[in-house]
């Protein structure tokens, strides 16, 4: 099952990237330069994940060469990395050799899942919101923006599922969950993200910029709530506050467990506030 996770991740990443490129070309050919510029702008936040990938590469003791820097500049750093760092190809190769039971494979899978989740939240989510707004408010018959939005939704949901799958494997004595569990998690994440994105898009269509006020209030509530939980992922005070603010923005759309132990109470509070 561990080998299937990176394979599906790679497939969805390729499909999402192809659909995004088609959407960019679609707007350019039709002369919709405003939507073209906004779609291209959604690519910029993804460089944060590429930068982190390079930093991890250097931390492994390997100086990045021109070829590797070019791959990261083209936002292909998640596809191929050298040395001991994470990359999809190495995860797939290790899974084929070990059958999914090696500790090195788990470490590589974890690095890939974290980087992909960061890229999905910073790049795929804004692209999803933009294309969903185009389909709902501007061009309901737009096939290419609709396909791009659908694949972005599925890719973002799978990034969250693969991260949850990795955290599940980290627990002592836990094996890879069965495919039925993974499927249920994917359906849950897809439905949750889809309804929240649709609600925000419809609100933006009716009330325009007031959607930012609503999202801002939700963001503040979630950020203060995360601060009250005293999460210990980041210890330095400034970085701890920044982490809570960034995760508070993510909580507008989905819940990510950042503390060990049972999370039923925290999930209940999240849905009570977010509904």
C-alpha atoms as a PDB file:
ATOM      1  CA  UNK A   1       0.000   0.000   0.000  1.00  0.00           C
ATOM      2  CA  UNK A   2       2.909   2.349   0.701  1.00  0.00           C
ATOM      3  CA  UNK A   3       4.075   1.946  -2.879  1.00  0.00           C
ATOM      4  CA  UNK A   4       0.580   2.735  -4.159  1.00  0.00           C
ATOM      5  CA  UNK A   5       0.441   6.041  -2.266  1.00  0.00           C
ATOM      6  CA  UNK A   6       3.384   7.709  -4.071  1.00  0.00           C
ATOM      7  CA  UNK A   7       2.234   6.246  -7.395  1.00  0.00           C
ATOM      8  CA  UNK A   8      -1.196   7.805  -7.055  1.00  0.00           C
ATOM      9  CA  UNK A   9       0.355  11.039  -5.763  1.00  0.00           C
ATOM     10  CA  UNK A  10       2.590  11.225  -8.815  1.00  0.00           C
ATOM     11  CA  UNK A  11      -0.318  10.508 -11.165  1.00  0.00           C
ATOM     12  CA  UNK A  12      -2.525  13.204  -9.617  1.00  0.00           C
ATOM     13  CA  UNK A  13       0.357  15.681  -9.569  1.00  0.00           C
ATOM     14  CA  UNK A  14       0.948  15.112 -13.287  1.00  0.00           C
ATOM     15  CA  UNK A  15      -2.767  15.419 -14.095  1.00  0.00           C
ATOM     16  CA  UNK A  16      -3.150  18.563 -12.010  1.00  0.00           C
ATOM     17  CA  UNK A  17      -0.073  20.210 -13.545  1.00  0.00           C
ATOM     18  CA  UNK A  18      -1.256  19.362 -17.052  1.00  0.00           C
ATOM     19  CA  UNK A  19      -4.729  20.759 -16.405  1.00  0.00           C
ATOM     20  CA  UNK A  20      -3.236  23.943 -14.913  1.00  0.00           C
ATOM     21  CA  UNK A  21      -1.080  24.423 -18.015  1.00  0.00           C
ATOM     22  CA  UNK A  22      -4.134  23.897 -20.231  1.00  0.00           C
ATOM     23  CA  UNK A  23      -6.045  26.529 -18.229  1.00  0.00           C
ATOM     24  CA  UNK A  24      -3.203  29.029 -18.665  1.00  0.00           C
ATOM     25  CA  UNK A  25      -3.110  28.414 -22.425  1.00  0.00           C
ATOM     26  CA  UNK A  26      -6.928  28.555 -22.545  1.00  0.00           C
ATOM     27  CA  UNK A  27      -7.051  32.041 -21.032  1.00  0.00           C
ATOM     28  CA  UNK A  28      -4.163  33.265 -23.162  1.00  0.00           C
ATOM     29  CA  UNK A  29      -5.693  32.034 -26.434  1.00  0.00           C
ATOM     30  CA  UNK A  30      -9.077  33.560 -25.587  1.00  0.00           C
ATOM     31  CA  UNK A  31      -7.502  36.883 -24.687  1.00  0.00           C
ATOM     32  CA  UNK A  32      -8.666  36.747 -21.060  1.00  0.00           C
ATOM     33  CA  UNK A  33      -5.485  38.319 -19.776  1.00  0.00           C
ATOM     34  CA  UNK A  34      -6.883  39.049 -16.319  1.00  0.00           C
ATOM     35  CA  UNK A  35      -7.654  35.408 -15.583  1.00  0.00           C
ATOM     36  CA  UNK A  36      -4.423  34.410 -17.319  1.00  0.00           C
ATOM     37  CA  UNK A  37      -2.386  36.640 -15.003  1.00  0.00           C
ATOM     38  CA  UNK A  38      -4.182  35.446 -11.878  1.00  0.00           C
ATOM     39  CA  UNK A  39      -3.722  31.794 -12.845  1.00  0.00           C
ATOM     40  CA  UNK A  40      -0.010  32.332 -13.413  1.00  0.00           C
ATOM     41  CA  UNK A  41       0.218  34.235 -10.111  1.00  0.00           C
ATOM     42  CA  UNK A  42      -1.124  31.162  -8.284  1.00  0.00           C
ATOM     43  CA  UNK A  43       2.106  29.408  -9.240  1.00  0.00           C
ATOM     44  CA  UNK A  44       4.275  31.811  -7.238  1.00  0.00           C
ATOM     45  CA  UNK A  45       3.485  30.548  -3.686  1.00  0.00           C
ATOM     46  CA  UNK A  46       4.497  27.050  -4.760  1.00  0.00           C
ATOM     47  CA  UNK A  47       8.124  28.163  -4.829  1.00  0.00           C
ATOM     48  CA  UNK A  48       8.104  28.044  -1.025  1.00  0.00           C
ATOM     49  CA  UNK A  49       7.933  24.242  -1.235  1.00  0.00           C
ATOM     50  CA  UNK A  50      10.666  24.239  -3.891  1.00  0.00           C
ATOM     51  CA  UNK A  51      12.878  26.387  -1.666  1.00  0.00           C
ATOM     52  CA  UNK A  52      12.305  24.047   1.261  1.00  0.00           C
ATOM     53  CA  UNK A  53      13.210  21.113  -0.988  1.00  0.00           C
ATOM     54  CA  UNK A  54      16.528  22.774  -1.881  1.00  0.00           C
ATOM     55  CA  UNK A  55      17.236  23.561   1.776  1.00  0.00           C
ATOM     56  CA  UNK A  56      16.606  19.936   2.711  1.00  0.00           C
ATOM     57  CA  UNK A  57      18.864  18.902  -0.126  1.00  0.00           C
ATOM     58  CA  UNK A  58      21.685  21.073   1.238  1.00  0.00           C
ATOM     59  CA  UNK A  59      21.037  19.792   4.765  1.00  0.00           C
ATOM     60  CA  UNK A  60      21.724  16.289   3.432  1.00  0.00           C
ATOM     61  CA  UNK A  61      25.221  17.438   2.477  1.00  0.00           C
ATOM     62  CA  UNK A  62      24.718  17.704  -1.290  1.00  0.00           C
ATOM     63  CA  UNK A  63      25.421  20.995  -3.040  1.00  0.00           C
ATOM     64  CA  UNK A  64      22.623  21.608  -5.580  1.00  0.00           C
ATOM     65  CA  UNK A  65      23.886  21.861  -9.132  1.00  0.00           C
ATOM     66  CA  UNK A  66      22.571  23.864 -12.055  1.00  0.00           C
ATOM     67  CA  UNK A  67      20.395  20.995 -13.292  1.00  0.00           C
ATOM     68  CA  UNK A  68      18.722  20.554  -9.916  1.00  0.00           C
ATOM     69  CA  UNK A  69      18.203  24.305  -9.502  1.00  0.00           C
ATOM     70  CA  UNK A  70      16.618  24.418 -12.959  1.00  0.00           C
ATOM     71  CA  UNK A  71      14.243  21.595 -12.011  1.00  0.00           C
ATOM     72  CA  UNK A  72      13.173  23.471  -8.875  1.00  0.00           C
ATOM     73  CA  UNK A  73      12.787  26.682 -10.872  1.00  0.00           C
ATOM     74  CA  UNK A  74      10.403  24.788 -13.153  1.00  0.00           C
ATOM     75  CA  UNK A  75       8.649  23.486  -9.998  1.00  0.00           C
ATOM     76  CA  UNK A  76       9.721  19.919 -10.719  1.00  0.00           C
ATOM     77  CA  UNK A  77      11.747  19.515  -7.539  1.00  0.00           C
ATOM     78  CA  UNK A  78       9.195  17.122  -6.045  1.00  0.00           C
ATOM     79  CA  UNK A  79       9.530  14.823  -9.040  1.00  0.00           C
ATOM     80  CA  UNK A  80      13.229  14.184  -8.907  1.00  0.00           C
ATOM     81  CA  UNK A  81      15.900  14.815  -6.289  1.00  0.00           C
ATOM     82  CA  UNK A  82      19.334  13.299  -5.809  1.00  0.00           C
ATOM     83  CA  UNK A  83      21.185  11.890  -2.807  1.00  0.00           C
ATOM     84  CA  UNK A  84      19.296  10.923   0.339  1.00  0.00           C
ATOM     85  CA  UNK A  85      16.563  13.475  -0.049  1.00  0.00           C
ATOM     86  CA  UNK A  86      12.969  12.689  -0.786  1.00  0.00           C
ATOM     87  CA  UNK A  87      11.641  12.295  -4.295  1.00  0.00           C
ATOM     88  CA  UNK A  88       8.809  10.351  -5.844  1.00  0.00           C
ATOM     89  CA  UNK A  89      11.030   8.299  -8.101  1.00  0.00           C
ATOM     90  CA  UNK A  90      13.218   7.127  -5.220  1.00  0.00           C
ATOM     91  CA  UNK A  91      10.185   6.306  -3.092  1.00  0.00           C
ATOM     92  CA  UNK A  92       8.741   4.216  -5.911  1.00  0.00           C
ATOM     93  CA  UNK A  93      12.079   2.489  -6.492  1.00  0.00           C
ATOM     94  CA  UNK A  94      12.558   1.766  -2.781  1.00  0.00           C
ATOM     95  CA  UNK A  95       9.014   0.444  -2.521  1.00  0.00           C
ATOM     96  CA  UNK A  96       9.683  -1.954  -5.390  1.00  0.00           C
ATOM     97  CA  UNK A  97      12.861  -3.248  -3.742  1.00  0.00           C
ATOM     98  CA  UNK A  98      11.707  -3.536  -0.139  1.00  0.00           C
ATOM     99  CA  UNK A  99       8.005  -4.214  -0.521  1.00  0.00           C
ATOM    100  CA  UNK A 100       7.129  -1.135   1.516  1.00  0.00           C
ATOM    101  CA  UNK A 101       8.664  -2.237   4.820  1.00  0.00           C
ATOM    102  CA  UNK A 102      11.939  -0.315   5.069  1.00  0.00           C
ATOM    103  CA  UNK A 103      12.450   2.522   7.520  1.00  0.00           C
ATOM    104  CA  UNK A 104      14.277   4.495   4.829  1.00  0.00           C
ATOM    105  CA  UNK A 105      11.215   4.234   2.620  1.00  0.00           C
ATOM    106  CA  UNK A 106       9.041   5.614   5.420  1.00  0.00           C
ATOM    107  CA  UNK A 107      11.387   8.570   5.895  1.00  0.00           C
ATOM    108  CA  UNK A 108      11.391   9.332   2.159  1.00  0.00           C
ATOM    109  CA  UNK A 109       7.631   8.985   2.003  1.00  0.00           C
ATOM    110  CA  UNK A 110       7.262  11.387   4.922  1.00  0.00           C
ATOM    111  CA  UNK A 111       9.437  14.031   3.262  1.00  0.00           C
ATOM    112  CA  UNK A 112       7.455  13.741   0.040  1.00  0.00           C
ATOM    113  CA  UNK A 113       4.115  13.977   1.858  1.00  0.00           C
ATOM    114  CA  UNK A 114       5.144  17.081   3.814  1.00  0.00           C
ATOM    115  CA  UNK A 115       6.499  18.856   0.737  1.00  0.00           C
ATOM    116  CA  UNK A 116       3.483  17.920  -1.355  1.00  0.00           C
ATOM    117  CA  UNK A 117       1.060  19.055   1.343  1.00  0.00           C
ATOM    118  CA  UNK A 118       2.844  22.402   1.608  1.00  0.00           C
ATOM    119  CA  UNK A 119       2.776  22.850  -2.159  1.00  0.00           C
ATOM    120  CA  UNK A 120      -0.894  21.861  -2.314  1.00  0.00           C
ATOM    121  CA  UNK A 121      -1.919  24.346   0.361  1.00  0.00           C
ATOM    122  CA  UNK A 122       0.133  27.213  -1.079  1.00  0.00           C
ATOM    123  CA  UNK A 123      -0.404  26.602  -4.790  1.00  0.00           C
ATOM    124  CA  UNK A 124      -3.192  24.129  -5.516  1.00  0.00           C
ATOM    125  CA  UNK A 125      -5.697  25.674  -3.099  1.00  0.00           C
ATOM    126  CA  UNK A 126      -5.512  29.237  -4.543  1.00  0.00           C
ATOM    127  CA  UNK A 127      -5.720  27.788  -8.056  1.00  0.00           C
ATOM    128  CA  UNK A 128      -8.766  25.750  -7.031  1.00  0.00           C
ATOM    129  CA  UNK A 129     -10.510  28.826  -5.605  1.00  0.00           C
ATOM    130  CA  UNK A 130      -9.773  30.864  -8.727  1.00  0.00           C
ATOM    131  CA  UNK A 131     -10.940  28.242 -11.222  1.00  0.00           C
ATOM    132  CA  UNK A 132     -14.030  27.456  -9.151  1.00  0.00           C
ATOM    133  CA  UNK A 133     -14.962  31.152  -9.176  1.00  0.00           C
ATOM    134  CA  UNK A 134     -14.484  31.281 -12.958  1.00  0.00           C
ATOM    135  CA  UNK A 135     -16.751  28.268 -13.446  1.00  0.00           C
ATOM    136  CA  UNK A 136     -19.460  29.502 -11.048  1.00  0.00           C
ATOM    137  CA  UNK A 137     -19.493  33.252 -11.690  1.00  0.00           C
ATOM    138  CA  UNK A 138     -17.869  33.910 -15.079  1.00  0.00           C
ATOM    139  CA  UNK A 139     -18.028  30.962 -17.469  1.00  0.00           C
ATOM    140  CA  UNK A 140     -20.339  28.153 -16.273  1.00  0.00           C
ATOM    141  CA  UNK A 141     -19.792  26.285 -19.534  1.00  0.00           C
ATOM    142  CA  UNK A 142     -16.012  26.486 -19.288  1.00  0.00           C
ATOM    143  CA  UNK A 143     -14.775  22.911 -19.700  1.00  0.00           C
ATOM    144  CA  UNK A 144     -11.050  23.460 -19.176  1.00  0.00           C
ATOM    145  CA  UNK A 145     -11.406  25.605 -15.998  1.00  0.00           C
ATOM    146  CA  UNK A 146     -13.887  23.047 -14.669  1.00  0.00           C
ATOM    147  CA  UNK A 147     -11.559  20.114 -15.272  1.00  0.00           C
ATOM    148  CA  UNK A 148      -8.664  22.053 -13.769  1.00  0.00           C
ATOM    149  CA  UNK A 149     -10.711  22.876 -10.676  1.00  0.00           C
ATOM    150  CA  UNK A 150     -11.851  19.263 -10.305  1.00  0.00           C
ATOM    151  CA  UNK A 151      -8.338  17.838 -10.575  1.00  0.00           C
ATOM    152  CA  UNK A 152      -7.009  20.471  -8.174  1.00  0.00           C
ATOM    153  CA  UNK A 153      -9.687  19.518  -5.658  1.00  0.00           C
ATOM    154  CA  UNK A 154      -8.850  15.835  -5.972  1.00  0.00           C
ATOM    155  CA  UNK A 155      -5.107  16.480  -5.773  1.00  0.00           C
ATOM    156  CA  UNK A 156      -5.468  18.674  -2.678  1.00  0.00           C
ATOM    157  CA  UNK A 157      -7.676  16.099  -0.978  1.00  0.00           C
ATOM    158  CA  UNK A 158      -5.190  13.349  -1.774  1.00  0.00           C
ATOM    159  CA  UNK A 159      -2.289  15.440  -0.413  1.00  0.00           C
ATOM    160  CA  UNK A 160      -4.154  15.633   2.902  1.00  0.00           C
ATOM    161  CA  UNK A 161      -4.933  11.904   2.824  1.00  0.00           C
ATOM    162  CA  UNK A 162      -1.338  10.909   2.050  1.00  0.00           C
ATOM    163  CA  UNK A 163      -0.133  13.101   4.929  1.00  0.00           C
ATOM    164  CA  UNK A 164      -2.638  11.442   7.266  1.00  0.00           C
ATOM    165  CA  UNK A 165      -1.508   8.055   5.950  1.00  0.00           C
ATOM    166  CA  UNK A 166       2.097   8.907   6.800  1.00  0.00           C
ATOM    167  CA  UNK A 167       1.272  10.117  10.334  1.00  0.00           C
ATOM    168  CA  UNK A 168      -0.678   6.891  10.861  1.00  0.00           C
ATOM    169  CA  UNK A 169       2.390   4.846   9.902  1.00  0.00           C
ATOM    170  CA  UNK A 170       4.534   6.778  12.396  1.00  0.00           C
ATOM    171  CA  UNK A 171       2.566   5.423  15.349  1.00  0.00           C
ATOM    172  CA  UNK A 172       4.255   2.390  16.971  1.00  0.00           C
ATOM    173  CA  UNK A 173       2.800  -0.923  15.881  1.00  0.00           C
ATOM    174  CA  UNK A 174       0.591   0.547  13.151  1.00  0.00           C
ATOM    175  CA  UNK A 175       0.567  -0.997   9.706  1.00  0.00           C
ATOM    176  CA  UNK A 176      -0.543   0.589   6.481  1.00  0.00           C
ATOM    177  CA  UNK A 177      -4.350   1.072   6.577  1.00  0.00           C
ATOM    178  CA  UNK A 178      -6.420  -0.888   4.064  1.00  0.00           C
ATOM    179  CA  UNK A 179      -7.532   0.610   0.781  1.00  0.00           C
ATOM    180  CA  UNK A 180     -11.125   1.008   2.030  1.00  0.00           C
ATOM    181  CA  UNK A 181      -9.939   3.304   4.832  1.00  0.00           C
ATOM    182  CA  UNK A 182      -7.873   5.383   2.389  1.00  0.00           C
ATOM    183  CA  UNK A 183     -10.887   5.658   0.078  1.00  0.00           C
ATOM    184  CA  UNK A 184     -13.151   6.830   2.908  1.00  0.00           C
ATOM    185  CA  UNK A 185     -10.580   9.430   3.942  1.00  0.00           C
ATOM    186  CA  UNK A 186     -10.343  10.646   0.357  1.00  0.00           C
ATOM    187  CA  UNK A 187     -14.122  10.947   0.039  1.00  0.00           C
ATOM    188  CA  UNK A 188     -14.309  12.811   3.353  1.00  0.00           C
ATOM    189  CA  UNK A 189     -11.549  15.258   2.436  1.00  0.00           C
ATOM    190  CA  UNK A 190     -12.941  15.811  -1.055  1.00  0.00           C
ATOM    191  CA  UNK A 191     -16.460  16.467   0.217  1.00  0.00           C
ATOM    192  CA  UNK A 192     -15.284  18.778   2.983  1.00  0.00           C
ATOM    193  CA  UNK A 193     -13.014  20.817   0.735  1.00  0.00           C
ATOM    194  CA  UNK A 194     -15.503  20.894  -2.112  1.00  0.00           C
ATOM    195  CA  UNK A 195     -18.371  22.229   0.001  1.00  0.00           C
ATOM    196  CA  UNK A 196     -16.185  24.886   1.658  1.00  0.00           C
ATOM    197  CA  UNK A 197     -14.748  26.085  -1.638  1.00  0.00           C
ATOM    198  CA  UNK A 198     -18.213  26.193  -3.209  1.00  0.00           C
ATOM    199  CA  UNK A 199     -19.615  28.120  -0.226  1.00  0.00           C
ATOM    200  CA  UNK A 200     -16.821  30.704  -0.414  1.00  0.00           C
ATOM    201  CA  UNK A 201     -17.193  31.065  -4.177  1.00  0.00           C
ATOM    202  CA  UNK A 202     -20.959  31.550  -3.975  1.00  0.00           C
ATOM    203  CA  UNK A 203     -20.548  34.050  -1.129  1.00  0.00           C
ATOM    204  CA  UNK A 204     -17.946  35.947  -3.169  1.00  0.00           C
ATOM    205  CA  UNK A 205     -20.294  36.032  -6.162  1.00  0.00           C
ATOM    206  CA  UNK A 206     -23.134  37.497  -4.092  1.00  0.00           C
ATOM    207  CA  UNK A 207     -21.258  39.795  -1.706  1.00  0.00           C
ATOM    208  CA  UNK A 208     -17.980  40.432  -3.528  1.00  0.00           C
ATOM    209  CA  UNK A 209     -15.150  41.513  -1.204  1.00  0.00           C
ATOM    210  CA  UNK A 210     -17.156  40.841   1.970  1.00  0.00           C
ATOM    211  CA  UNK A 211     -15.953  37.269   1.648  1.00  0.00           C
ATOM    212  CA  UNK A 212     -12.538  38.453   2.847  1.00  0.00           C
ATOM    213  CA  UNK A 213     -14.092  39.839   6.034  1.00  0.00           C
ATOM    214  CA  UNK A 214     -15.815  36.522   6.774  1.00  0.00           C
ATOM    215  CA  UNK A 215     -12.666  34.543   6.011  1.00  0.00           C
ATOM    216  CA  UNK A 216     -10.632  36.965   8.125  1.00  0.00           C
ATOM    217  CA  UNK A 217     -12.834  36.505  11.179  1.00  0.00           C
ATOM    218  CA  UNK A 218     -12.645  32.725  10.774  1.00  0.00           C
ATOM    219  CA  UNK A 219      -8.870  32.942  10.404  1.00  0.00           C
ATOM    220  CA  UNK A 220      -8.506  34.979  13.606  1.00  0.00           C
ATOM    221  CA  UNK A 221     -10.703  32.576  15.575  1.00  0.00           C
ATOM    222  CA  UNK A 222      -8.741  29.563  14.389  1.00  0.00           C
ATOM    223  CA  UNK A 223      -5.376  31.244  15.032  1.00  0.00           C
ATOM    224  CA  UNK A 224      -6.309  32.144  18.621  1.00  0.00           C
ATOM    225  CA  UNK A 225      -7.687  28.648  19.159  1.00  0.00           C
ATOM    226  CA  UNK A 226      -4.434  27.090  17.940  1.00  0.00           C
ATOM    227  CA  UNK A 227      -2.491  29.380  20.248  1.00  0.00           C
ATOM    228  CA  UNK A 228      -4.638  28.278  23.174  1.00  0.00           C
ATOM    229  CA  UNK A 229      -3.765  24.644  22.430  1.00  0.00           C
ATOM    230  CA  UNK A 230      -0.051  25.388  23.046  1.00  0.00           C
ATOM    231  CA  UNK A 231       1.203  23.291  20.156  1.00  0.00           C
ATOM    232  CA  UNK A 232       4.879  22.379  20.515  1.00  0.00           C
ATOM    233  CA  UNK A 233       5.765  21.750  16.878  1.00  0.00           C
ATOM    234  CA  UNK A 234       7.565  25.111  16.785  1.00  0.00           C
ATOM    235  CA  UNK A 235       9.314  26.259  19.971  1.00  0.00           C
ATOM    236  CA  UNK A 236      10.640  29.721  19.144  1.00  0.00           C
ATOM    237  CA  UNK A 237       8.009  32.383  20.061  1.00  0.00           C
ATOM    238  CA  UNK A 238       8.071  34.322  16.765  1.00  0.00           C
ATOM    239  CA  UNK A 239       7.982  31.196  14.614  1.00  0.00           C
ATOM    240  CA  UNK A 240       5.336  29.696  16.893  1.00  0.00           C
ATOM    241  CA  UNK A 241       3.048  32.698  16.298  1.00  0.00           C
ATOM    242  CA  UNK A 242       3.721  32.595  12.564  1.00  0.00           C
ATOM    243  CA  UNK A 243       2.966  28.870  12.474  1.00  0.00           C
ATOM    244  CA  UNK A 244      -0.357  29.397  14.260  1.00  0.00           C
ATOM    245  CA  UNK A 245      -1.296  32.215  11.872  1.00  0.00           C
ATOM    246  CA  UNK A 246      -0.487  30.147   8.794  1.00  0.00           C
ATOM    247  CA  UNK A 247      -2.271  27.068  10.085  1.00  0.00           C
ATOM    248  CA  UNK A 248      -5.234  29.249  11.092  1.00  0.00           C
ATOM    249  CA  UNK A 249      -5.603  30.214   7.427  1.00  0.00           C
ATOM    250  CA  UNK A 250      -5.536  26.534   6.451  1.00  0.00           C
ATOM    251  CA  UNK A 251      -8.280  25.843   8.996  1.00  0.00           C
ATOM    252  CA  UNK A 252     -10.650  27.960   6.934  1.00  0.00           C
ATOM    253  CA  UNK A 253     -10.830  24.984   4.598  1.00  0.00           C
ATOM    254  CA  UNK A 254      -9.808  21.841   6.450  1.00  0.00           C
ATOM    255  CA  UNK A 255      -8.656  20.394   9.762  1.00  0.00           C
ATOM    256  CA  UNK A 256      -5.089  19.131  10.210  1.00  0.00           C
ATOM    257  CA  UNK A 257      -4.173  17.461  13.479  1.00  0.00           C
ATOM    258  CA  UNK A 258      -0.973  19.000  14.888  1.00  0.00           C
ATOM    259  CA  UNK A 259      -1.013  17.476  18.359  1.00  0.00           C
ATOM    260  CA  UNK A 260      -0.523  13.848  19.440  1.00  0.00           C
ATOM    261  CA  UNK A 261      -3.274  11.960  21.188  1.00  0.00           C
ATOM    262  CA  UNK A 262      -7.032  11.695  20.615  1.00  0.00           C
ATOM    263  CA  UNK A 263      -8.389  14.486  18.447  1.00  0.00           C
ATOM    264  CA  UNK A 264     -12.156  13.941  18.633  1.00  0.00           C
ATOM    265  CA  UNK A 265     -12.708  16.949  20.910  1.00  0.00           C
ATOM    266  CA  UNK A 266     -10.611  19.241  18.724  1.00  0.00           C
ATOM    267  CA  UNK A 267     -12.385  18.045  15.580  1.00  0.00           C
ATOM    268  CA  UNK A 268     -15.768  18.671  17.242  1.00  0.00           C
ATOM    269  CA  UNK A 269     -14.728  22.216  18.172  1.00  0.00           C
ATOM    270  CA  UNK A 270     -13.414  22.842  14.662  1.00  0.00           C
ATOM    271  CA  UNK A 271     -16.677  21.790  13.026  1.00  0.00           C
ATOM    272  CA  UNK A 272     -18.776  23.665  15.607  1.00  0.00           C
ATOM    273  CA  UNK A 273     -16.971  26.904  14.776  1.00  0.00           C
ATOM    274  CA  UNK A 274     -16.632  26.305  11.043  1.00  0.00           C
ATOM    275  CA  UNK A 275     -20.166  25.175  10.241  1.00  0.00           C
END
